[in-house]
Amino acid sequence: MDNSTIWPDRQFQIWSYVVSHNQLLLRSPKSQRAITRVDILFKGVSFIHMETGFSGLSVQVLDEKAQKPLPNIPDILEDQKLFVLHTSSGLGYIVAAAYAAVEDDKEHYDASALISDGHL
């Protein structure tokens, strides 16, 4: 994925978090204005600082040499990155190993195509 992924007109929410797999799923379900569903999965999550629901989303990977934007962000391990979530109401932060996104035509509660073992 490139360094910045943008969905400016979508409504997102935290859909689920699985402690045993350290996986966070954000979802923008279909709506009257959106004929597709967007799922964003973060793997190897060790820190979350964000609202539970928000409009518009841009995900950006912060350069590893950049100063941490919040004092309470833990040390970032070698295999992790700091993801900055830009929303219409402000910024959120996630420390994770990776993230992926998919846009599909599945329904509200259908399983995510990003989850292969059915844990979310």
PDB file of N, CA and C in Angstrom:
ATOM      1  N   MET A   1       0.813  -1.164   0.000  1.00  0.00           N
ATOM      2  CA  MET A   1       0.000   0.000   0.000  1.00  0.00           C
ATOM      3  C   MET A   1       0.867   1.241   0.000  1.00  0.00           C
ATOM      4  N   ASP A   2       0.396   2.307  -0.630  1.00  0.00           N
ATOM      5  CA  ASP A   2       1.192   3.527  -0.641  1.00  0.00           C
ATOM      6  C   ASP A   2       1.157   4.182   0.735  1.00  0.00           C
ATOM      7  N   ASN A   3       1.856   5.293   0.864  1.00  0.00           N
ATOM      8  CA  ASN A   3       2.001   5.947   2.164  1.00  0.00           C
ATOM      9  C   ASN A   3       0.729   6.640   2.631  1.00  0.00           C
ATOM     10  N   SER A   4      -0.216   6.913   1.763  1.00  0.00           N
ATOM     11  CA  SER A   4      -1.441   7.579   2.165  1.00  0.00           C
ATOM     12  C   SER A   4      -2.620   6.985   1.410  1.00  0.00           C
ATOM     13  N   THR A   5      -3.622   6.530   2.142  1.00  0.00           N
ATOM     14  CA  THR A   5      -4.821   5.964   1.557  1.00  0.00           C
ATOM     15  C   THR A   5      -5.995   6.794   2.050  1.00  0.00           C
ATOM     16  N   ILE A   6      -6.892   7.198   1.137  1.00  0.00           N
ATOM     17  CA  ILE A   6      -7.894   8.199   1.477  1.00  0.00           C
ATOM     18  C   ILE A   6      -9.311   7.744   1.134  1.00  0.00           C
ATOM     19  N   TRP A   7     -10.219   7.934   2.094  1.00  0.00           N
ATOM     20  CA  TRP A   7     -11.654   7.754   1.880  1.00  0.00           C
ATOM     21  C   TRP A   7     -12.337   8.989   2.480  1.00  0.00           C
ATOM     22  N   PRO A   8     -12.465  10.089   1.731  1.00  0.00           N
ATOM     23  CA  PRO A   8     -12.924  11.352   2.318  1.00  0.00           C
ATOM     24  C   PRO A   8     -14.405  11.398   2.695  1.00  0.00           C
ATOM     25  N   ASP A   9     -15.252  10.639   2.048  1.00  0.00           N
ATOM     26  CA  ASP A   9     -16.692  10.778   2.252  1.00  0.00           C
ATOM     27  C   ASP A   9     -17.334   9.568   2.912  1.00  0.00           C
ATOM     28  N   ARG A  10     -16.584   8.815   3.682  1.00  0.00           N
ATOM     29  CA  ARG A  10     -17.114   7.607   4.306  1.00  0.00           C
ATOM     30  C   ARG A  10     -17.260   7.782   5.809  1.00  0.00           C
ATOM     31  N   GLN A  11     -18.193   7.041   6.393  1.00  0.00           N
ATOM     32  CA  GLN A  11     -18.380   6.979   7.841  1.00  0.00           C
ATOM     33  C   GLN A  11     -17.731   5.680   8.316  1.00  0.00           C
ATOM     34  N   PHE A  12     -16.774   5.768   9.224  1.00  0.00           N
ATOM     35  CA  PHE A  12     -16.063   4.598   9.739  1.00  0.00           C
ATOM     36  C   PHE A  12     -16.361   4.404  11.222  1.00  0.00           C
ATOM     37  N   GLN A  13     -16.157   3.180  11.675  1.00  0.00           N
ATOM     38  CA  GLN A  13     -16.239   2.876  13.096  1.00  0.00           C
ATOM     39  C   GLN A  13     -15.312   1.704  13.419  1.00  0.00           C
ATOM     40  N   ILE A  14     -14.938   1.636  14.692  1.00  0.00           N
ATOM     41  CA  ILE A  14     -14.198   0.446  15.113  1.00  0.00           C
ATOM     42  C   ILE A  14     -15.191  -0.704  15.049  1.00  0.00           C
ATOM     43  N   TRP A  15     -14.870  -1.698  14.254  1.00  0.00           N
ATOM     44  CA  TRP A  15     -15.782  -2.821  14.063  1.00  0.00           C
ATOM     45  C   TRP A  15     -15.480  -3.950  15.048  1.00  0.00           C
ATOM     46  N   SER A  16     -14.201  -4.250  15.217  1.00  0.00           N
ATOM     47  CA  SER A  16     -13.829  -5.275  16.189  1.00  0.00           C
ATOM     48  C   SER A  16     -12.339  -5.215  16.496  1.00  0.00           C
ATOM     49  N   TYR A  17     -12.006  -5.793  17.646  1.00  0.00           N
ATOM     50  CA  TYR A  17     -10.620  -5.936  18.049  1.00  0.00           C
ATOM     51  C   TYR A  17     -10.477  -7.307  18.691  1.00  0.00           C
ATOM     52  N   VAL A  18      -9.501  -8.076  18.225  1.00  0.00           N
ATOM     53  CA  VAL A  18      -9.259  -9.405  18.776  1.00  0.00           C
ATOM     54  C   VAL A  18      -7.938  -9.359  19.538  1.00  0.00           C
ATOM     55  N   VAL A  19      -8.050  -9.470  20.849  1.00  0.00           N
ATOM     56  CA  VAL A  19      -6.881  -9.367  21.720  1.00  0.00           C
ATOM     57  C   VAL A  19      -5.873 -10.465  21.422  1.00  0.00           C
ATOM     58  N   SER A  20      -6.340 -11.699  21.238  1.00  0.00           N
ATOM     59  CA  SER A  20      -5.423 -12.823  21.040  1.00  0.00           C
ATOM     60  C   SER A  20      -4.620 -12.720  19.744  1.00  0.00           C
ATOM     61  N   HIS A  21      -5.111 -11.943  18.776  1.00  0.00           N
ATOM     62  CA  HIS A  21      -4.401 -11.777  17.502  1.00  0.00           C
ATOM     63  C   HIS A  21      -3.889 -10.349  17.301  1.00  0.00           C
ATOM     64  N   ASN A  22      -4.176  -9.458  18.265  1.00  0.00           N
ATOM     65  CA  ASN A  22      -3.781  -8.047  18.144  1.00  0.00           C
ATOM     66  C   ASN A  22      -4.215  -7.453  16.813  1.00  0.00           C
ATOM     67  N   GLN A  23      -5.467  -7.720  16.434  1.00  0.00           N
ATOM     68  CA  GLN A  23      -5.994  -7.231  15.160  1.00  0.00           C
ATOM     69  C   GLN A  23      -7.158  -6.274  15.388  1.00  0.00           C
ATOM     70  N   LEU A  24      -7.098  -5.134  14.706  1.00  0.00           N
ATOM     71  CA  LEU A  24      -8.134  -4.113  14.778  1.00  0.00           C
ATOM     72  C   LEU A  24      -8.769  -3.969  13.405  1.00  0.00           C
ATOM     73  N   LEU A  25     -10.095  -4.081  13.356  1.00  0.00           N
ATOM     74  CA  LEU A  25     -10.821  -3.918  12.100  1.00  0.00           C
ATOM     75  C   LEU A  25     -11.666  -2.659  12.166  1.00  0.00           C
ATOM     76  N   LEU A  26     -11.415  -1.727  11.232  1.00  0.00           N
ATOM     77  CA  LEU A  26     -12.254  -0.551  11.040  1.00  0.00           C
ATOM     78  C   LEU A  26     -13.149  -0.833   9.846  1.00  0.00           C
ATOM     79  N   ARG A  27     -14.405  -0.386   9.917  1.00  0.00           N
ATOM     80  CA  ARG A  27     -15.326  -0.669   8.804  1.00  0.00           C
ATOM     81  C   ARG A  27     -16.165   0.558   8.490  1.00  0.00           C
ATOM     82  N   SER A  28     -16.362   0.756   7.182  1.00  0.00           N
ATOM     83  CA  SER A  28     -17.336   1.708   6.664  1.00  0.00           C
ATOM     84  C   SER A  28     -18.351   0.891   5.881  1.00  0.00           C
ATOM     85  N   PRO A  29     -19.518   0.598   6.492  1.00  0.00           N
ATOM     86  CA  PRO A  29     -20.489  -0.244   5.801  1.00  0.00           C
ATOM     87  C   PRO A  29     -21.181   0.498   4.661  1.00  0.00           C
ATOM     88  N   LYS A  30     -21.890  -0.261   3.856  1.00  0.00           N
ATOM     89  CA  LYS A  30     -22.705   0.335   2.803  1.00  0.00           C
ATOM     90  C   LYS A  30     -23.712   1.288   3.428  1.00  0.00           C
ATOM     91  N   SER A  31     -24.120   2.271   2.644  1.00  0.00           N
ATOM     92  CA  SER A  31     -25.137   3.222   3.108  1.00  0.00           C
ATOM     93  C   SER A  31     -25.894   3.740   1.894  1.00  0.00           C
ATOM     94  N   GLN A  32     -26.782   4.666   2.123  1.00  0.00           N
ATOM     95  CA  GLN A  32     -27.503   5.265   0.996  1.00  0.00           C
ATOM     96  C   GLN A  32     -26.556   6.019   0.071  1.00  0.00           C
ATOM     97  N   ARG A  33     -25.480   6.543   0.634  1.00  0.00           N
ATOM     98  CA  ARG A  33     -24.509   7.304  -0.170  1.00  0.00           C
ATOM     99  C   ARG A  33     -23.344   6.466  -0.667  1.00  0.00           C
ATOM    100  N   ALA A  34     -23.143   5.276  -0.082  1.00  0.00           N
ATOM    101  CA  ALA A  34     -21.988   4.446  -0.442  1.00  0.00           C
ATOM    102  C   ALA A  34     -22.476   3.050  -0.818  1.00  0.00           C
ATOM    103  N   ILE A  35     -22.217   2.633  -2.042  1.00  0.00           N
ATOM    104  CA  ILE A  35     -22.702   1.329  -2.510  1.00  0.00           C
ATOM    105  C   ILE A  35     -21.716   0.199  -2.234  1.00  0.00           C
ATOM    106  N   THR A  36     -20.589   0.544  -1.620  1.00  0.00           N
ATOM    107  CA  THR A  36     -19.585  -0.468  -1.279  1.00  0.00           C
ATOM    108  C   THR A  36     -19.298  -0.413   0.213  1.00  0.00           C
ATOM    109  N   ARG A  37     -18.580  -1.412   0.674  1.00  0.00           N
ATOM    110  CA  ARG A  37     -18.133  -1.487   2.055  1.00  0.00           C
ATOM    111  C   ARG A  37     -16.609  -1.390   2.045  1.00  0.00           C
ATOM    112  N   VAL A  38     -16.032  -0.692   3.015  1.00  0.00           N
ATOM    113  CA  VAL A  38     -14.573  -0.586   3.142  1.00  0.00           C
ATOM    114  C   VAL A  38     -14.164  -1.185   4.481  1.00  0.00           C
ATOM    115  N   ASP A  39     -13.226  -2.132   4.449  1.00  0.00           N
ATOM    116  CA  ASP A  39     -12.638  -2.712   5.656  1.00  0.00           C
ATOM    117  C   ASP A  39     -11.159  -2.354   5.697  1.00  0.00           C
ATOM    118  N   ILE A  40     -10.700  -1.974   6.880  1.00  0.00           N
ATOM    119  CA  ILE A  40      -9.285  -1.679   7.086  1.00  0.00           C
ATOM    120  C   ILE A  40      -8.833  -2.510   8.278  1.00  0.00           C
ATOM    121  N   LEU A  41      -7.841  -3.355   8.068  1.00  0.00           N
ATOM    122  CA  LEU A  41      -7.349  -4.242   9.118  1.00  0.00           C
ATOM    123  C   LEU A  41      -5.925  -3.859   9.500  1.00  0.00           C
ATOM    124  N   PHE A  42      -5.711  -3.657  10.799  1.00  0.00           N
ATOM    125  CA  PHE A  42      -4.382  -3.432  11.342  1.00  0.00           C
ATOM    126  C   PHE A  42      -3.980  -4.701  12.081  1.00  0.00           C
ATOM    127  N   LYS A  43      -2.765  -5.189  11.818  1.00  0.00           N
ATOM    128  CA  LYS A  43      -2.260  -6.411  12.465  1.00  0.00           C
ATOM    129  C   LYS A  43      -1.074  -6.071  13.360  1.00  0.00           C
ATOM    130  N   GLY A  44      -0.915  -6.859  14.412  1.00  0.00           N
ATOM    131  CA  GLY A  44       0.190  -6.629  15.345  1.00  0.00           C
ATOM    132  C   GLY A  44       0.036  -5.317  16.090  1.00  0.00           C
ATOM    133  N   VAL A  45      -1.189  -4.983  16.479  1.00  0.00           N
ATOM    134  CA  VAL A  45      -1.487  -3.702  17.130  1.00  0.00           C
ATOM    135  C   VAL A  45      -0.993  -3.712  18.579  1.00  0.00           C
ATOM    136  N   SER A  46      -0.296  -2.633  18.959  1.00  0.00           N
ATOM    137  CA  SER A  46       0.159  -2.501  20.348  1.00  0.00           C
ATOM    138  C   SER A  46      -0.309  -1.197  20.994  1.00  0.00           C
ATOM    139  N   PHE A  47      -0.892  -0.286  20.202  1.00  0.00           N
ATOM    140  CA  PHE A  47      -1.343   0.993  20.736  1.00  0.00           C
ATOM    141  C   PHE A  47      -2.450   1.537  19.849  1.00  0.00           C
ATOM    142  N   ILE A  48      -3.527   2.033  20.497  1.00  0.00           N
ATOM    143  CA  ILE A  48      -4.647   2.651  19.771  1.00  0.00           C
ATOM    144  C   ILE A  48      -5.024   3.936  20.499  1.00  0.00           C
ATOM    145  N   HIS A  49      -5.094   5.026  19.756  1.00  0.00           N
ATOM    146  CA  HIS A  49      -5.552   6.303  20.295  1.00  0.00           C
ATOM    147  C   HIS A  49      -6.418   6.938  19.210  1.00  0.00           C
ATOM    148  N   MET A  50      -7.745   6.734  19.318  1.00  0.00           N
ATOM    149  CA  MET A  50      -8.645   7.234  18.276  1.00  0.00           C
ATOM    150  C   MET A  50     -10.078   7.220  18.771  1.00  0.00           C
ATOM    151  N   GLU A  51     -10.942   7.913  18.050  1.00  0.00           N
ATOM    152  CA  GLU A  51     -12.367   7.873  18.329  1.00  0.00           C
ATOM    153  C   GLU A  51     -12.934   6.537  17.859  1.00  0.00           C
ATOM    154  N   THR A  52     -14.077   6.158  18.390  1.00  0.00           N
ATOM    155  CA  THR A  52     -14.681   4.891  17.988  1.00  0.00           C
ATOM    156  C   THR A  52     -15.466   5.009  16.689  1.00  0.00           C
ATOM    157  N   GLY A  53     -15.877   6.199  16.323  1.00  0.00           N
ATOM    158  CA  GLY A  53     -16.567   6.440  15.061  1.00  0.00           C
ATOM    159  C   GLY A  53     -16.160   7.797  14.511  1.00  0.00           C
ATOM    160  N   PHE A  54     -16.063   7.916  13.190  1.00  0.00           N
ATOM    161  CA  PHE A  54     -15.585   9.158  12.592  1.00  0.00           C
ATOM    162  C   PHE A  54     -15.952   9.214  11.117  1.00  0.00           C
ATOM    163  N   SER A  55     -15.894  10.410  10.545  1.00  0.00           N
ATOM    164  CA  SER A  55     -16.139  10.608   9.122  1.00  0.00           C
ATOM    165  C   SER A  55     -14.849  10.920   8.414  1.00  0.00           C
ATOM    166  N   GLY A  56     -14.782  10.449   7.176  1.00  0.00           N
ATOM    167  CA  GLY A  56     -13.596  10.685   6.369  1.00  0.00           C
ATOM    168  C   GLY A  56     -12.377  10.032   7.003  1.00  0.00           C
ATOM    169  N   LEU A  57     -11.522   9.493   6.166  1.00  0.00           N
ATOM    170  CA  LEU A  57     -10.326   8.839   6.710  1.00  0.00           C
ATOM    171  C   LEU A  57      -9.201   8.869   5.701  1.00  0.00           C
ATOM    172  N   SER A  58      -8.060   9.260   6.193  1.00  0.00           N
ATOM    173  CA  SER A  58      -6.812   9.149   5.455  1.00  0.00           C
ATOM    174  C   SER A  58      -5.832   8.462   6.381  1.00  0.00           C
ATOM    175  N   VAL A  59      -5.218   7.376   5.920  1.00  0.00           N
ATOM    176  CA  VAL A  59      -4.242   6.630   6.717  1.00  0.00           C
ATOM    177  C   VAL A  59      -2.866   6.937   6.167  1.00  0.00           C
ATOM    178  N   GLN A  60      -1.981   7.356   7.053  1.00  0.00           N
ATOM    179  CA  GLN A  60      -0.628   7.727   6.636  1.00  0.00           C
ATOM    180  C   GLN A  60       0.376   7.058   7.566  1.00  0.00           C
ATOM    181  N   VAL A  61       1.460   6.579   7.002  1.00  0.00           N
ATOM    182  CA  VAL A  61       2.538   6.001   7.802  1.00  0.00           C
ATOM    183  C   VAL A  61       3.503   7.121   8.155  1.00  0.00           C
ATOM    184  N   LEU A  62       3.702   7.305   9.457  1.00  0.00           N
ATOM    185  CA  LEU A  62       4.617   8.352   9.898  1.00  0.00           C
ATOM    186  C   LEU A  62       6.047   7.885   9.697  1.00  0.00           C
ATOM    187  N   ASP A  63       6.877   8.742   9.172  1.00  0.00           N
ATOM    188  CA  ASP A  63       8.283   8.426   8.968  1.00  0.00           C
ATOM    189  C   ASP A  63       8.911   8.030  10.295  1.00  0.00           C
ATOM    190  N   GLU A  64       9.696   6.964  10.283  1.00  0.00           N
ATOM    191  CA  GLU A  64      10.277   6.459  11.534  1.00  0.00           C
ATOM    192  C   GLU A  64      11.204   7.447  12.215  1.00  0.00           C
ATOM    193  N   LYS A  65      11.702   8.440  11.476  1.00  0.00           N
ATOM    194  CA  LYS A  65      12.589   9.436  12.071  1.00  0.00           C
ATOM    195  C   LYS A  65      11.810  10.610  12.672  1.00  0.00           C
ATOM    196  N   ALA A  66      10.519  10.681  12.398  1.00  0.00           N
ATOM    197  CA  ALA A  66       9.705  11.790  12.894  1.00  0.00           C
ATOM    198  C   ALA A  66       9.502  11.680  14.400  1.00  0.00           C
ATOM    199  N   GLN A  67       9.312  12.832  15.011  1.00  0.00           N
ATOM    200  CA  GLN A  67       9.056  12.858  16.456  1.00  0.00           C
ATOM    201  C   GLN A  67       7.660  12.311  16.726  1.00  0.00           C
ATOM    202  N   LYS A  68       7.506  11.583  17.821  1.00  0.00           N
ATOM    203  CA  LYS A  68       6.200  11.041  18.193  1.00  0.00           C
ATOM    204  C   LYS A  68       5.237  12.194  18.472  1.00  0.00           C
ATOM    205  N   PRO A  69       4.042  12.147  17.900  1.00  0.00           N
ATOM    206  CA  PRO A  69       3.102  13.251  18.082  1.00  0.00           C
ATOM    207  C   PRO A  69       2.444  13.303  19.460  1.00  0.00           C
ATOM    208  N   LEU A  70       2.453  12.203  20.206  1.00  0.00           N
ATOM    209  CA  LEU A  70       1.882  12.158  21.554  1.00  0.00           C
ATOM    210  C   LEU A  70       2.916  11.588  22.508  1.00  0.00           C
ATOM    211  N   PRO A  71       3.002  12.121  23.716  1.00  0.00           N
ATOM    212  CA  PRO A  71       4.005  11.607  24.655  1.00  0.00           C
ATOM    213  C   PRO A  71       3.720  10.187  25.138  1.00  0.00           C
ATOM    214  N   ASN A  72       2.465   9.744  25.099  1.00  0.00           N
ATOM    215  CA  ASN A  72       2.142   8.412  25.626  1.00  0.00           C
ATOM    216  C   ASN A  72       2.240   7.293  24.588  1.00  0.00           C
ATOM    217  N   ILE A  73       2.680   7.591  23.388  1.00  0.00           N
ATOM    218  CA  ILE A  73       2.886   6.539  22.391  1.00  0.00           C
ATOM    219  C   ILE A  73       4.112   5.720  22.815  1.00  0.00           C
ATOM    220  N   PRO A  74       3.946   4.408  22.938  1.00  0.00           N
ATOM    221  CA  PRO A  74       5.076   3.582  23.393  1.00  0.00           C
ATOM    222  C   PRO A  74       6.182   3.503  22.346  1.00  0.00           C
ATOM    223  N   ASP A  75       7.305   2.958  22.756  1.00  0.00           N
ATOM    224  CA  ASP A  75       8.381   2.735  21.795  1.00  0.00           C
ATOM    225  C   ASP A  75       7.877   1.834  20.678  1.00  0.00           C
ATOM    226  N   ILE A  76       8.257   2.174  19.471  1.00  0.00           N
ATOM    227  CA  ILE A  76       7.818   1.415  18.299  1.00  0.00           C
ATOM    228  C   ILE A  76       8.887   0.379  17.991  1.00  0.00           C
ATOM    229  N   LEU A  77       8.477  -0.876  17.989  1.00  0.00           N
ATOM    230  CA  LEU A  77       9.409  -1.963  17.739  1.00  0.00           C
ATOM    231  C   LEU A  77       9.863  -1.963  16.289  1.00  0.00           C
ATOM    232  N   GLU A  78      10.923  -2.688  16.006  1.00  0.00           N
ATOM    233  CA  GLU A  78      11.510  -2.716  14.668  1.00  0.00           C
ATOM    234  C   GLU A  78      10.510  -3.158  13.597  1.00  0.00           C
ATOM    235  N   ASP A  79       9.608  -4.080  13.937  1.00  0.00           N
ATOM    236  CA  ASP A  79       8.663  -4.584  12.939  1.00  0.00           C
ATOM    237  C   ASP A  79       7.330  -3.827  12.946  1.00  0.00           C
ATOM    238  N   GLN A  80       7.275  -2.681  13.639  1.00  0.00           N
ATOM    239  CA  GLN A  80       6.039  -1.911  13.717  1.00  0.00           C
ATOM    240  C   GLN A  80       6.188  -0.542  13.062  1.00  0.00           C
ATOM    241  N   LYS A  81       5.024   0.078  12.820  1.00  0.00           N
ATOM    242  CA  LYS A  81       4.977   1.427  12.253  1.00  0.00           C
ATOM    243  C   LYS A  81       3.957   2.238  13.037  1.00  0.00           C
ATOM    244  N   LEU A  82       4.086   3.554  12.964  1.00  0.00           N
ATOM    245  CA  LEU A  82       3.084   4.435  13.539  1.00  0.00           C
ATOM    246  C   LEU A  82       2.193   4.926  12.408  1.00  0.00           C
ATOM    247  N   PHE A  83       0.920   4.562  12.479  1.00  0.00           N
ATOM    248  CA  PHE A  83      -0.059   4.980  11.484  1.00  0.00           C
ATOM    249  C   PHE A  83      -0.833   6.169  12.043  1.00  0.00           C
ATOM    250  N   VAL A  84      -0.925   7.225  11.241  1.00  0.00           N
ATOM    251  CA  VAL A  84      -1.673   8.418  11.623  1.00  0.00           C
ATOM    252  C   VAL A  84      -2.981   8.398  10.842  1.00  0.00           C
ATOM    253  N   LEU A  85      -4.094   8.505  11.567  1.00  0.00           N
ATOM    254  CA  LEU A  85      -5.412   8.517  10.953  1.00  0.00           C
ATOM    255  C   LEU A  85      -5.939   9.947  10.971  1.00  0.00           C
ATOM    256  N   HIS A  86      -6.089  10.533   9.796  1.00  0.00           N
ATOM    257  CA  HIS A  86      -6.643  11.872   9.660  1.00  0.00           C
ATOM    258  C   HIS A  86      -8.138  11.721   9.410  1.00  0.00           C
ATOM    259  N   THR A  87      -8.961  12.306  10.282  1.00  0.00           N
ATOM    260  CA  THR A  87     -10.407  12.243  10.115  1.00  0.00           C
ATOM    261  C   THR A  87     -10.957  13.669  10.116  1.00  0.00           C
ATOM    262  N   SER A  88     -12.244  13.807   9.843  1.00  0.00           N
ATOM    263  CA  SER A  88     -12.833  15.145   9.828  1.00  0.00           C
ATOM    264  C   SER A  88     -12.839  15.784  11.213  1.00  0.00           C
ATOM    265  N   SER A  89     -12.719  14.974  12.261  1.00  0.00           N
ATOM    266  CA  SER A  89     -12.751  15.526  13.617  1.00  0.00           C
ATOM    267  C   SER A  89     -11.379  15.564  14.292  1.00  0.00           C
ATOM    268  N   GLY A  90     -10.328  15.162  13.608  1.00  0.00           N
ATOM    269  CA  GLY A  90      -9.001  15.226  14.216  1.00  0.00           C
ATOM    270  C   GLY A  90      -8.108  14.073  13.814  1.00  0.00           C
ATOM    271  N   LEU A  91      -7.142  13.785  14.682  1.00  0.00           N
ATOM    272  CA  LEU A  91      -6.144  12.757  14.391  1.00  0.00           C
ATOM    273  C   LEU A  91      -6.305  11.570  15.332  1.00  0.00           C
ATOM    274  N   GLY A  92      -5.967  10.393  14.815  1.00  0.00           N
ATOM    275  CA  GLY A  92      -5.883   9.183  15.620  1.00  0.00           C
ATOM    276  C   GLY A  92      -4.546   8.518  15.337  1.00  0.00           C
ATOM    277  N   TYR A  93      -4.139   7.615  16.231  1.00  0.00           N
ATOM    278  CA  TYR A  93      -2.831   6.967  16.087  1.00  0.00           C
ATOM    279  C   TYR A  93      -2.953   5.486  16.398  1.00  0.00           C
ATOM    280  N   ILE A  94      -2.291   4.684  15.586  1.00  0.00           N
ATOM    281  CA  ILE A  94      -2.236   3.244  15.801  1.00  0.00           C
ATOM    282  C   ILE A  94      -0.803   2.792  15.583  1.00  0.00           C
ATOM    283  N   VAL A  95      -0.258   2.037  16.540  1.00  0.00           N
ATOM    284  CA  VAL A  95       1.040   1.391  16.354  1.00  0.00           C
ATOM    285  C   VAL A  95       0.738  -0.061  16.016  1.00  0.00           C
ATOM    286  N   ALA A  96       1.198  -0.494  14.853  1.00  0.00           N
ATOM    287  CA  ALA A  96       0.913  -1.851  14.380  1.00  0.00           C
ATOM    288  C   ALA A  96       2.012  -2.298  13.424  1.00  0.00           C
ATOM    289  N   ALA A  97       2.017  -3.592  13.160  1.00  0.00           N
ATOM    290  CA  ALA A  97       3.003  -4.150  12.225  1.00  0.00           C
ATOM    291  C   ALA A  97       2.627  -3.863  10.778  1.00  0.00           C
ATOM    292  N   ALA A  98       1.327  -3.896  10.477  1.00  0.00           N
ATOM    293  CA  ALA A  98       0.904  -3.719   9.090  1.00  0.00           C
ATOM    294  C   ALA A  98      -0.573  -3.356   9.033  1.00  0.00           C
ATOM    295  N   TYR A  99      -0.981  -2.877   7.863  1.00  0.00           N
ATOM    296  CA  TYR A  99      -2.403  -2.698   7.633  1.00  0.00           C
ATOM    297  C   TYR A  99      -2.713  -2.993   6.177  1.00  0.00           C
ATOM    298  N   ALA A 100      -3.975  -3.323   5.949  1.00  0.00           N
ATOM    299  CA  ALA A 100      -4.456  -3.581   4.587  1.00  0.00           C
ATOM    300  C   ALA A 100      -5.887  -3.080   4.513  1.00  0.00           C
ATOM    301  N   ALA A 101      -6.331  -2.781   3.315  1.00  0.00           N
ATOM    302  CA  ALA A 101      -7.686  -2.294   3.117  1.00  0.00           C
ATOM    303  C   ALA A 101      -8.302  -2.991   1.911  1.00  0.00           C
ATOM    304  N   VAL A 102      -9.618  -3.151   1.977  1.00  0.00           N
ATOM    305  CA  VAL A 102     -10.352  -3.732   0.857  1.00  0.00           C
ATOM    306  C   VAL A 102     -11.697  -3.026   0.747  1.00  0.00           C
ATOM    307  N   GLU A 103     -12.102  -2.762  -0.478  1.00  0.00           N
ATOM    308  CA  GLU A 103     -13.425  -2.218  -0.759  1.00  0.00           C
ATOM    309  C   GLU A 103     -14.172  -3.267  -1.558  1.00  0.00           C
ATOM    310  N   ASP A 104     -15.364  -3.645  -1.071  1.00  0.00           N
ATOM    311  CA  ASP A 104     -16.116  -4.706  -1.737  1.00  0.00           C
ATOM    312  C   ASP A 104     -17.612  -4.412  -1.682  1.00  0.00           C
ATOM    313  N   ASP A 105     -18.408  -5.325  -2.196  1.00  0.00           N
ATOM    314  CA  ASP A 105     -19.860  -5.123  -2.204  1.00  0.00           C
ATOM    315  C   ASP A 105     -20.570  -6.021  -1.199  1.00  0.00           C
ATOM    316  N   LYS A 106     -19.839  -6.502  -0.201  1.00  0.00           N
ATOM    317  CA  LYS A 106     -20.432  -7.373   0.813  1.00  0.00           C
ATOM    318  C   LYS A 106     -21.346  -6.568   1.736  1.00  0.00           C
ATOM    319  N   GLU A 107     -22.169  -7.302   2.470  1.00  0.00           N
ATOM    320  CA  GLU A 107     -23.153  -6.669   3.342  1.00  0.00           C
ATOM    321  C   GLU A 107     -22.564  -6.327   4.710  1.00  0.00           C
ATOM    322  N   HIS A 108     -23.347  -5.624   5.472  1.00  0.00           N
ATOM    323  CA  HIS A 108     -22.970  -5.053   6.768  1.00  0.00           C
ATOM    324  C   HIS A 108     -22.225  -6.039   7.672  1.00  0.00           C
ATOM    325  N   TYR A 109     -22.810  -7.206   7.929  1.00  0.00           N
ATOM    326  CA  TYR A 109     -22.208  -8.148   8.875  1.00  0.00           C
ATOM    327  C   TYR A 109     -21.503  -9.332   8.219  1.00  0.00           C
ATOM    328  N   ASP A 110     -21.295  -9.299   6.907  1.00  0.00           N
ATOM    329  CA  ASP A 110     -20.511 -10.359   6.260  1.00  0.00           C
ATOM    330  C   ASP A 110     -19.072 -10.303   6.764  1.00  0.00           C
ATOM    331  N   ALA A 111     -18.438 -11.464   6.808  1.00  0.00           N
ATOM    332  CA  ALA A 111     -17.035 -11.525   7.242  1.00  0.00           C
ATOM    333  C   ALA A 111     -16.150 -10.706   6.306  1.00  0.00           C
ATOM    334  N   SER A 112     -15.084 -10.179   6.851  1.00  0.00           N
ATOM    335  CA  SER A 112     -14.153  -9.384   6.067  1.00  0.00           C
ATOM    336  C   SER A 112     -13.280 -10.280   5.195  1.00  0.00           C
ATOM    337  N   ALA A 113     -13.024  -9.838   3.977  1.00  0.00           N
ATOM    338  CA  ALA A 113     -12.114 -10.557   3.085  1.00  0.00           C
ATOM    339  C   ALA A 113     -10.674 -10.508   3.597  1.00  0.00           C
ATOM    340  N   LEU A 114     -10.390  -9.629   4.541  1.00  0.00           N
ATOM    341  CA  LEU A 114      -9.039  -9.496   5.087  1.00  0.00           C
ATOM    342  C   LEU A 114      -8.748 -10.497   6.194  1.00  0.00           C
ATOM    343  N   ILE A 115      -9.781 -11.157   6.677  1.00  0.00           N
ATOM    344  CA  ILE A 115      -9.634 -12.117   7.770  1.00  0.00           C
ATOM    345  C   ILE A 115      -9.747 -13.516   7.206  1.00  0.00           C
ATOM    346  N   SER A 116      -8.670 -14.271   7.293  1.00  0.00           N
ATOM    347  CA  SER A 116      -8.671 -15.610   6.702  1.00  0.00           C
ATOM    348  C   SER A 116      -9.085 -16.700   7.685  1.00  0.00           C
ATOM    349  N   ASP A 117      -8.961 -16.452   8.990  1.00  0.00           N
ATOM    350  CA  ASP A 117      -9.246 -17.518   9.946  1.00  0.00           C
ATOM    351  C   ASP A 117     -10.541 -17.309  10.719  1.00  0.00           C
ATOM    352  N   GLY A 118     -11.328 -16.310  10.355  1.00  0.00           N
ATOM    353  CA  GLY A 118     -12.632 -16.107  10.961  1.00  0.00           C
ATOM    354  C   GLY A 118     -12.614 -15.600  12.387  1.00  0.00           C
ATOM    355  N   HIS A 119     -11.503 -14.998  12.848  1.00  0.00           N
ATOM    356  CA  HIS A 119     -11.427 -14.558  14.246  1.00  0.00           C
ATOM    357  C   HIS A 119     -12.044 -13.194  14.486  1.00  0.00           C
ATOM    358  N   LEU A 120     -12.416 -12.473  13.461  1.00  0.00           N
ATOM    359  CA  LEU A 120     -13.044 -11.171  13.702  1.00  0.00           C
ATOM    360  C   LEU A 120     -14.494 -11.205  13.338  1.00  0.00           C
TER     361      LEU A 120
END
